[in-house]
Protein backbone atom coordinates (compact mmCIF):
# COMPACT_ATOMS: atom_id res chain seq x y z
CA MET A 1 -45.76 38.41 123.06
CA GLU A 2 -46.23 38.09 119.33
CA ILE A 3 -43.32 37.00 117.15
CA ARG A 4 -42.82 39.30 114.19
CA SER A 5 -40.94 38.74 110.96
CA ILE A 6 -37.75 40.72 110.46
CA THR A 7 -39.67 43.11 108.19
CA GLY A 8 -42.47 43.40 110.75
CA GLN A 9 -40.04 44.05 113.59
CA ALA A 10 -38.29 46.76 111.56
CA ALA A 11 -41.64 48.43 110.83
CA HIS A 12 -42.58 48.19 114.52
CA SER A 13 -39.30 49.79 115.62
CA LYS A 14 -39.61 52.54 112.99
CA GLY A 15 -43.17 53.23 114.14
CA ILE A 16 -42.11 53.54 117.78
CA TYR A 17 -39.24 55.85 116.82
CA ARG A 18 -41.44 58.07 114.62
CA GLU A 19 -44.14 58.37 117.30
CA ALA A 20 -41.60 59.01 120.07
CA MET A 21 -39.84 61.75 118.08
CA SER A 22 -43.14 63.42 117.16
CA LEU A 23 -44.25 63.49 120.78
CA LYS A 24 -40.85 64.76 121.95
CA MET A 25 -40.91 67.58 119.38
CA ASN A 26 -44.35 68.54 120.71
CA GLY A 27 -43.11 68.97 124.27
CA TRP A 28 -43.88 65.56 125.77
CA TYR A 29 -41.49 63.68 128.06
CA VAL A 30 -41.21 60.35 126.24
CA MET A 31 -40.18 56.88 127.35
CA ALA A 32 -39.90 54.44 124.44
CA ASP A 33 -39.22 50.71 124.55
CA HIS A 34 -36.03 49.51 122.83
CA ILE A 35 -35.29 52.89 121.21
CA PRO A 36 -31.77 54.28 121.83
CA GLY A 37 -31.77 57.65 123.58
CA PHE A 38 -35.04 57.02 125.41
CA ASN A 39 -35.64 55.53 128.85
CA PRO A 40 -37.84 52.43 128.88
CA PRO A 41 -41.52 52.86 129.81
CA PRO A 42 -42.83 51.52 133.13
CA GLU A 43 -44.81 48.32 133.38
CA PHE A 44 -48.61 48.53 133.68
CA GLU A 45 -50.62 45.47 134.71
CA GLY A 46 -47.77 43.18 133.67
CA TYR A 47 -47.15 44.81 130.26
CA ILE A 48 -44.66 47.36 129.03
CA PRO A 49 -46.17 49.64 126.38
CA ASP A 50 -44.14 50.77 123.40
CA ILE A 51 -44.37 54.38 124.55
CA TYR A 52 -45.34 56.17 127.73
CA ALA A 53 -45.49 59.95 127.37
CA ILE A 54 -46.14 62.68 129.93
CA LYS A 55 -47.02 66.33 129.38
CA GLU A 56 -48.10 68.47 132.31
CA GLU A 57 -50.81 66.50 134.14
CA HIS A 58 -51.62 64.22 131.16
CA SER A 59 -50.14 60.84 130.26
CA SER A 60 -50.46 58.59 127.24
CA ILE A 61 -49.88 54.87 126.91
CA ILE A 62 -49.19 54.13 123.25
CA VAL A 63 -48.78 50.83 121.44
CA ILE A 64 -47.53 50.40 117.91
CA GLU A 65 -48.58 47.32 115.95
CA THR A 66 -48.07 46.03 112.42
CA SER A 67 -51.49 44.35 112.36
CA LEU A 68 -54.77 44.80 114.21
CA ASN A 69 -54.38 41.19 115.40
CA ASP A 70 -51.05 41.82 117.19
CA ASN A 71 -50.89 41.65 120.99
CA GLN A 72 -54.64 41.78 121.58
CA GLU A 73 -54.42 40.62 125.21
CA GLN A 74 -51.82 43.27 126.03
CA ASN A 75 -53.76 46.01 124.28
CA ASP A 76 -57.03 45.04 125.97
CA THR A 77 -55.32 45.04 129.38
CA LEU A 78 -53.71 48.45 128.84
CA ARG A 79 -56.96 49.88 127.46
CA GLU A 80 -58.82 48.65 130.56
CA TYR A 81 -56.10 50.04 132.86
CA VAL A 82 -56.45 53.60 131.58
CA ARG A 83 -60.22 53.55 132.11
CA HIS A 84 -59.55 53.94 135.84
CA PHE A 85 -57.75 57.26 135.37
CA SER A 86 -59.08 60.53 133.97
CA ASN A 87 -55.65 61.88 133.03
CA ILE A 88 -54.25 58.84 131.15
CA GLN A 89 -55.16 57.97 127.57
CA PHE A 90 -54.56 54.83 125.52
CA PHE A 91 -53.67 55.03 121.84
CA GLY A 92 -52.97 52.22 119.43
CA TRP A 93 -51.53 52.64 115.97
CA VAL A 94 -51.06 50.15 113.17
CA VAL A 95 -48.08 51.09 111.04
CA ASN A 96 -46.95 50.15 107.54
CA GLU A 97 -43.50 48.85 106.53
CA ALA A 98 -42.06 52.37 106.74
CA GLY A 99 -43.35 52.77 110.29
CA CYS A 100 -45.99 55.31 109.24
CA ARG A 101 -49.42 55.30 110.87
CA VAL A 102 -52.12 53.70 108.75
CA HIS A 103 -54.85 52.91 111.27
CA LYS A 104 -55.78 54.06 114.78
CA PHE A 105 -57.40 51.76 117.29
CA ASP A 106 -58.38 52.47 120.87
């Protein structure tokens, strides 16, 4: 687990919240880590993603980072995990200080 600055942790939390709310408004059942009002996501291969979302027969494992260098081992493990399933996708987003998406990685 990476240690973030207070500013980085705030951006990370804002990014998770923004992504979770967007998915929820679009009809997904959303589990979001450390966000009040949401159940925590399940563990996959020893890691808990920031968000796990389900809609009909599709699922998404989503991680929110403040830098492309954050949590590389976790992200690689989760990315490899979803390759074994046709109905699960992995998404990674780098967010800015306001928690807004600035870069997608997958």
